[in-house]
Amino acid sequence: MTDQSSPKKPRSILLPTYGYLSPEQRQEGAALTAPMRRPGANPNWPHLSIDPPYVGPPAPRHPRVVAWIDKHHFEPVPEKPMKRPVLRKEVFKIYQAIAFAMRHHGVVLNTHLTIAWGYLGVSDGEQAAWMLTRFNNEAAKWLKVGYIPSVQRRRFGQRASAESSEHFYVYVHEWGRRYGLHTHELAFIPPAKRQAFEAWAEACLARLCGRKYIPAQALKITGRVRAAEYERVWLCWKWFRYITKTLDPEYRIRCADGSPVVVRELFHPKAFYEGAMVNCEQLASGSRNIWTQAQVRAGFVARLYQPDVTDIYDGAEMDEHRWARMQAAEDARRAEFIRGLATLNL
């Protein structure tokens, strides 16, 4: 018995996809769906329905907004000017801060925090920056607790049993199609405090947002607790290339010889992505102990500006830090020896 069934229809008739459309139809579809697409959406799929990012119950308002509402009850709160979430000069500052933490402090930023502000009820960039500042201030106080070398002090508790440390961090604000406004932060967390820090960070964000707990999607913490130094350095620079993916592809600088160079060819970040407009005053910054003024006081020059450097991600800053400590110890012993000779009565 022969099969009398009709042949299948072409796929383009059953389900017209972008590949089967003519150039005129593609432009017409993109123009019709442009108001519905979120910034940064793939233009090759204009027929997909796109939902706005999730925003939970509202968090406490920014102090500027509260002061305006108290003074002007029936007037709308003026908004700050919006800007593109695209990095330019900030990428140099982030790179120098990470390199300075390695060279001057001997610290590798070993933790990557991602905070999705929509799940915390924050959709405004100014409010997110304000809450991030409060979070980092609390984190600096939390990390400061612990024993101090050469100081006898009796303390009890898990974090007090570990060594006290400063809070080193850099961050970048982004806007994503899935999570909306979110922040990437690279920080140094002592391995002995890592587990306790994760629980504390969740409780701190919940307290700042006026909640008993936060959703699991609101905070993601990654990093290798027990890893060799070269692995931590490699992972830190990998995170740096990831959080700087919003670096402007058209951003150029001039070299010493006057020739222009695309900055993306210097740092090789991940594929470019640009989201919606934000009203953050600063798209990227870091802690004062590793930011620009600290580098100027220490006379720091990054490897990017040194001659005959082929790989800026090789972790040579850690070797330079060890060599500087050895030289300082040797100079201290030599000075002590000279002082001892001066006290001899020959």
Protein backbone atom coordinates (compact mmCIF):
# COMPACT_ATOMS: atom_id res chain seq x y z
CA MET A 1 0.00 0.00 0.00
CA THR A 2 1.49 3.26 -1.06
CA ASP A 3 1.54 6.30 1.19
CA GLN A 4 -1.05 8.73 -0.17
CA SER A 5 -0.32 11.39 2.51
CA SER A 6 0.60 14.83 1.23
CA PRO A 7 4.20 16.00 1.63
CA LYS A 8 5.04 18.26 4.53
CA LYS A 9 4.74 21.97 4.02
CA PRO A 10 7.92 24.06 4.01
CA ARG A 11 9.01 25.26 7.40
CA SER A 12 8.80 28.86 6.25
CA ILE A 13 5.04 28.47 5.77
CA LEU A 14 4.42 26.70 9.09
CA LEU A 15 6.54 29.04 11.15
CA PRO A 16 8.07 32.06 9.39
CA THR A 17 11.42 32.76 11.01
CA TYR A 18 13.83 35.62 10.62
CA GLY A 19 15.99 33.68 8.18
CA TYR A 20 13.15 33.25 5.69
CA LEU A 21 12.11 36.90 5.61
CA SER A 22 13.15 39.33 2.92
CA PRO A 23 15.27 42.38 3.84
CA GLU A 24 12.22 44.64 3.44
CA GLN A 25 10.16 42.44 5.77
CA ARG A 26 12.97 42.39 8.32
CA GLN A 27 13.20 46.18 8.41
CA GLU A 28 9.41 46.49 8.62
CA GLY A 29 9.22 44.01 11.52
CA ALA A 30 12.08 45.69 13.36
CA ALA A 31 10.38 49.09 12.99
CA LEU A 32 7.05 47.78 14.26
CA THR A 33 8.51 46.03 17.31
CA ALA A 34 11.14 48.63 18.19
CA PRO A 35 8.98 50.30 20.89
CA MET A 36 8.34 46.86 22.45
CA ARG A 37 11.95 45.73 22.54
CA ARG A 38 14.12 46.43 25.53
CA PRO A 39 17.42 48.23 24.86
CA GLY A 40 20.07 45.69 23.98
CA ALA A 41 17.59 43.07 22.72
CA ASN A 42 18.63 40.96 19.76
CA PRO A 43 17.27 42.65 16.59
CA ASN A 44 17.32 39.27 14.77
CA TRP A 45 14.32 38.09 16.82
CA PRO A 46 11.83 41.00 16.71
CA HIS A 47 8.81 38.66 17.01
CA LEU A 48 9.72 37.49 20.51
CA SER A 49 7.60 38.91 23.32
CA ILE A 50 9.80 40.60 25.92
CA ASP A 51 8.74 41.13 29.51
CA PRO A 52 10.23 43.89 31.69
CA PRO A 53 12.68 42.86 34.42
CA TYR A 54 11.19 41.84 37.75
CA VAL A 55 10.98 44.50 40.47
CA GLY A 56 9.95 43.44 43.97
CA PRO A 57 8.23 45.45 46.73
CA PRO A 58 9.76 48.93 46.99
CA ALA A 59 12.80 49.39 49.19
CA PRO A 60 13.42 52.47 51.40
CA ARG A 61 13.64 55.67 49.39
CA HIS A 62 16.80 57.63 48.76
CA PRO A 63 17.36 60.44 51.32
CA ARG A 64 17.18 63.05 48.55
CA VAL A 65 13.75 61.78 47.52
CA VAL A 66 12.51 61.71 51.13
CA ALA A 67 13.68 65.28 51.72
CA TRP A 68 11.96 66.50 48.54
CA ILE A 69 8.68 64.79 49.42
CA ASP A 70 8.72 66.28 52.92
CA LYS A 71 9.28 69.78 51.51
CA HIS A 72 7.19 69.61 48.32
CA HIS A 73 4.22 67.36 49.03
CA PHE A 74 2.37 67.76 45.74
CA GLU A 75 5.25 68.21 43.27
CA PRO A 76 6.93 65.37 41.39
CA VAL A 77 10.44 64.44 42.48
CA PRO A 78 12.98 65.71 39.90
CA GLU A 79 14.98 62.91 38.33
CA LYS A 80 18.69 62.99 37.72
CA PRO A 81 19.86 63.01 34.08
CA MET A 82 20.11 59.63 32.41
CA LYS A 83 23.29 58.30 30.83
CA ARG A 84 24.38 55.36 28.73
CA PRO A 85 25.79 52.48 30.80
CA VAL A 86 28.96 52.45 28.72
CA LEU A 87 32.46 52.46 30.20
CA ARG A 88 35.25 54.61 28.85
CA LYS A 89 37.91 56.08 31.16
CA GLU A 90 36.51 54.02 34.05
CA VAL A 91 38.03 50.83 32.67
CA PHE A 92 41.56 52.22 33.19
CA LYS A 93 40.74 53.11 36.80
CA ILE A 94 39.34 49.65 37.51
CA TYR A 95 42.38 47.95 36.01
CA GLN A 96 44.80 50.16 37.94
CA ALA A 97 42.91 49.58 41.21
CA ILE A 98 43.11 45.78 40.85
CA ALA A 99 46.79 45.93 39.89
CA PHE A 100 47.52 48.31 42.79
CA ALA A 101 45.85 45.94 45.26
CA MET A 102 48.21 43.20 44.10
CA ARG A 103 51.37 45.32 43.92
CA HIS A 104 51.00 47.47 47.04
CA HIS A 105 48.88 45.29 49.35
CA GLY A 106 49.62 41.81 48.04
CA VAL A 107 45.87 41.16 47.77
CA VAL A 108 43.99 39.40 44.96
CA LEU A 109 40.29 40.20 44.66
CA ASN A 110 39.03 36.65 45.12
CA THR A 111 35.24 37.13 45.31
CA HIS A 112 32.68 38.16 42.71
CA LEU A 113 29.36 39.53 43.96
CA THR A 114 26.38 40.13 41.66
CA ILE A 115 23.51 42.12 43.16
CA ALA A 116 20.24 42.21 41.18
CA TRP A 117 18.52 45.31 42.51
CA GLY A 118 15.10 44.53 41.03
CA TYR A 119 14.66 41.61 43.43
CA LEU A 120 15.38 44.02 46.29
CA GLY A 121 12.74 46.48 45.14
CA VAL A 122 15.22 48.97 43.66
CA SER A 123 14.76 50.14 40.08
CA ASP A 124 16.46 53.54 40.31
CA GLY A 125 20.20 53.84 39.67
CA GLU A 126 20.71 56.60 42.24
CA GLN A 127 19.03 54.53 44.94
CA ALA A 128 21.04 51.43 43.99
CA ALA A 129 24.31 53.38 44.26
CA TRP A 130 23.27 54.74 47.67
CA MET A 131 22.40 51.26 48.99
CA LEU A 132 25.63 49.81 47.61
CA THR A 133 27.60 52.47 49.50
CA ARG A 134 25.81 51.54 52.72
CA PHE A 135 26.48 47.84 52.08
CA ASN A 136 30.21 48.40 51.52
CA ASN A 137 30.47 50.57 54.65
CA GLU A 138 28.91 47.77 56.69
CA ALA A 139 31.20 45.22 55.02
CA ALA A 140 34.28 47.28 55.92
CA LYS A 141 33.25 47.25 59.58
CA TRP A 142 32.47 43.52 59.46
CA LEU A 143 35.83 42.59 57.91
CA LYS A 144 37.72 44.78 60.38
CA VAL A 145 36.74 42.52 63.29
CA GLY A 146 39.36 39.88 64.07
CA TYR A 147 42.68 39.47 65.75
CA ILE A 148 45.52 41.82 64.86
CA PRO A 149 49.04 40.37 64.57
CA SER A 150 51.36 41.24 67.48
CA VAL A 151 48.39 42.46 69.53
CA GLN A 152 47.03 40.37 72.38
CA ARG A 153 43.26 40.71 72.46
CA ARG A 154 40.66 38.24 73.65
CA ARG A 155 37.70 37.95 71.29
CA PHE A 156 35.21 35.24 70.63
CA GLY A 157 33.23 34.35 67.51
CA GLN A 158 33.86 32.91 64.06
CA ARG A 159 35.01 36.06 62.32
CA ALA A 160 37.05 37.17 65.35
CA SER A 161 39.06 33.95 65.07
CA ALA A 162 40.35 35.08 61.64
CA GLU A 163 42.74 37.91 60.91
CA SER A 164 41.40 41.44 60.57
CA SER A 165 41.46 42.81 57.02
CA GLU A 166 40.63 45.91 55.03
CA HIS A 167 37.80 46.03 52.52
CA PHE A 168 39.22 46.11 48.97
CA TYR A 169 36.65 46.27 46.18
CA VAL A 170 35.74 47.62 42.74
CA TYR A 171 32.28 47.64 41.18
CA VAL A 172 30.43 48.32 37.91
CA HIS A 173 26.72 49.10 37.43
CA GLU A 174 25.02 47.42 34.47
CA TRP A 175 21.57 46.98 32.98
CA GLY A 176 20.68 43.48 31.76
CA ARG A 177 17.79 42.13 29.74
CA ARG A 178 17.05 39.50 32.37
CA TYR A 179 17.81 41.12 35.72
CA GLY A 180 17.51 44.79 34.82
CA LEU A 181 19.73 47.04 36.92
CA HIS A 182 22.45 45.02 38.67
CA THR A 183 25.95 45.53 40.06
CA HIS A 184 29.11 43.46 39.67
CA GLU A 185 31.58 43.85 42.54
CA LEU A 186 35.01 42.27 42.95
CA ALA A 187 36.21 42.15 46.55
CA PHE A 188 38.78 40.50 48.76
CA ILE A 189 37.31 38.20 51.42
CA PRO A 190 39.71 36.19 53.64
CA PRO A 191 39.15 32.46 53.02
CA ALA A 192 38.59 31.89 56.75
CA LYS A 193 35.66 34.34 56.65
CA ARG A 194 34.16 33.34 53.31
CA GLN A 195 31.32 31.16 54.58
CA ALA A 196 30.39 33.60 57.32
CA PHE A 197 30.52 36.51 54.85
CA GLU A 198 27.96 34.91 52.53
CA ALA A 199 25.42 34.58 55.35
CA TRP A 200 26.21 38.08 56.62
CA ALA A 201 25.86 39.68 53.15
CA GLU A 202 22.37 38.24 52.69
CA ALA A 203 21.30 39.43 56.14
CA CYS A 204 22.81 42.88 55.57
CA LEU A 205 21.04 43.44 52.24
CA ALA A 206 17.78 42.24 53.77
CA ARG A 207 18.18 44.70 56.64
CA LEU A 208 19.01 47.60 54.31
CA CYS A 209 15.94 46.84 52.18
CA GLY A 210 13.61 46.43 55.16
CA ARG A 211 13.02 42.70 54.65
CA LYS A 212 13.41 39.56 56.70
CA TYR A 213 15.16 37.77 53.86
CA ILE A 214 16.04 38.30 50.20
CA PRO A 215 15.32 36.06 47.17
CA ALA A 216 18.05 33.75 45.99
CA GLN A 217 18.26 35.62 42.67
CA ALA A 218 19.09 38.91 44.41
CA LEU A 219 22.65 38.00 45.44
CA LYS A 220 25.16 35.66 43.85
CA ILE A 221 28.64 35.15 45.33
CA THR A 222 31.28 33.15 43.47
CA GLY A 223 34.97 32.48 43.98
CA ARG A 224 37.49 29.79 44.80
CA VAL A 225 38.17 29.66 48.52
CA ARG A 226 41.18 27.34 48.52
CA ALA A 227 43.07 28.05 45.31
CA ALA A 228 46.69 28.60 44.37
CA GLU A 229 47.90 32.14 43.80
CA TYR A 230 48.15 31.83 40.02
CA GLU A 231 44.57 30.51 39.91
CA ARG A 232 43.27 33.42 41.97
CA VAL A 233 45.12 35.91 39.78
CA TRP A 234 43.81 34.29 36.59
CA LEU A 235 40.25 34.26 37.94
CA CYS A 236 40.45 37.89 39.08
CA TRP A 237 41.51 39.13 35.65
CA LYS A 238 38.86 36.91 34.04
CA TRP A 239 36.23 38.64 36.17
CA PHE A 240 37.72 42.00 35.23
CA ARG A 241 37.28 41.23 31.54
CA TYR A 242 33.70 40.15 32.24
CA ILE A 243 32.54 43.17 34.28
CA THR A 244 34.05 45.56 31.69
CA LYS A 245 32.06 44.11 28.78
CA THR A 246 30.21 47.44 28.51
CA LEU A 247 33.43 49.13 27.33
CA ASP A 248 32.58 51.35 24.36
CA PRO A 249 33.81 49.69 21.12
CA GLU A 250 34.45 53.13 19.59
CA TYR A 251 36.50 54.43 22.52
CA ARG A 252 40.08 55.21 21.45
CA ILE A 253 43.16 56.78 23.00
CA ARG A 254 46.39 58.07 21.53
CA CYS A 255 49.69 56.38 22.23
CA ALA A 256 52.94 58.19 22.96
CA ASP A 257 53.76 58.28 19.23
CA GLY A 258 50.38 59.84 18.45
CA SER A 259 48.80 56.81 16.82
CA PRO A 260 45.21 56.00 17.89
CA VAL A 261 44.42 52.61 19.44
CA VAL A 262 41.08 51.03 20.30
CA VAL A 263 40.94 50.47 24.07
CA ARG A 264 39.20 47.12 23.62
CA GLU A 265 42.35 45.85 21.91
CA LEU A 266 44.31 46.64 25.09
CA PHE A 267 42.07 44.91 27.65
CA HIS A 268 40.25 42.29 25.51
CA PRO A 269 36.97 42.30 27.47
CA LYS A 270 34.02 40.03 26.76
CA ALA A 271 31.59 40.73 23.93
CA PHE A 272 30.12 44.22 24.04
CA TYR A 273 26.69 44.67 25.59
CA GLU A 274 24.73 47.85 26.20
CA GLY A 275 21.50 48.08 28.19
CA ALA A 276 18.99 50.79 29.00
CA MET A 277 19.79 54.29 30.20
CA VAL A 278 20.56 54.66 33.92
CA ASN A 279 20.85 57.63 36.28
CA CYS A 280 23.84 56.45 38.34
CA GLU A 281 26.23 59.25 39.13
CA GLN A 282 29.17 56.86 38.74
CA LEU A 283 29.05 53.72 36.63
CA ALA A 284 32.18 52.31 38.26
CA SER A 285 34.34 53.01 41.30
CA GLY A 286 36.22 51.30 44.11
CA SER A 287 37.41 51.53 47.69
CA ARG A 288 39.56 54.48 48.69
CA ASN A 289 42.49 52.30 49.76
CA ILE A 290 43.11 51.21 46.14
CA TRP A 291 41.53 54.02 44.09
CA THR A 292 43.29 56.85 42.28
CA GLN A 293 44.38 59.01 45.24
CA ALA A 294 45.93 56.02 47.05
CA GLN A 295 47.87 55.18 43.89
CA VAL A 296 49.17 58.74 43.58
CA ARG A 297 50.37 58.77 47.20
CA ALA A 298 52.23 55.50 46.65
CA GLY A 299 53.69 56.58 43.29
CA PHE A 300 52.21 53.54 41.58
CA VAL A 301 52.64 52.99 37.83
CA ALA A 302 50.64 50.12 36.33
CA ARG A 303 52.24 47.61 34.00
CA LEU A 304 50.06 48.88 31.18
CA TYR A 305 52.21 52.03 31.07
CA GLN A 306 55.57 50.30 31.50
CA PRO A 307 57.74 49.56 28.44
CA ASP A 308 58.40 46.03 27.17
CA VAL A 309 55.28 44.55 28.84
CA THR A 310 53.51 42.04 26.61
CA ASP A 311 51.00 40.51 29.06
CA ILE A 312 49.27 42.77 31.58
CA TYR A 313 47.43 39.79 33.11
CA ASP A 314 50.46 37.67 34.05
CA GLY A 315 50.27 38.48 37.78
CA ALA A 316 53.77 39.98 37.99
CA GLU A 317 52.41 42.50 40.53
CA MET A 318 52.41 39.79 43.21
CA ASP A 319 56.09 39.00 42.54
CA GLU A 320 56.90 42.72 42.71
CA HIS A 321 55.09 42.95 46.05
CA ARG A 322 57.11 40.07 47.51
CA TRP A 323 60.35 41.59 46.22
CA ALA A 324 59.46 44.96 47.75
CA ARG A 325 58.76 43.33 51.13
CA MET A 326 62.08 41.50 51.02
CA GLN A 327 63.88 44.74 50.20
CA ALA A 328 62.10 46.58 53.03
CA ALA A 329 63.03 43.85 55.50
CA GLU A 330 66.65 43.92 54.33
CA ASP A 331 66.79 47.72 54.61
CA ALA A 332 65.34 47.52 58.14
CA ARG A 333 67.97 44.97 59.21
CA ARG A 334 70.73 47.10 57.69
CA ALA A 335 69.49 50.21 59.45
CA GLU A 336 69.30 48.33 62.77
CA PHE A 337 72.85 47.07 62.27
CA ILE A 338 74.11 50.59 61.58
CA ARG A 339 72.37 51.91 64.69
CA GLY A 340 73.98 49.12 66.72
CA LEU A 341 77.44 50.06 65.43
CA ALA A 342 76.88 53.68 66.37
CA THR A 343 76.22 52.72 70.00
CA LEU A 344 79.49 50.79 70.34
CA ASN A 345 82.30 52.52 72.23
CA LEU A 346 85.47 51.50 70.46
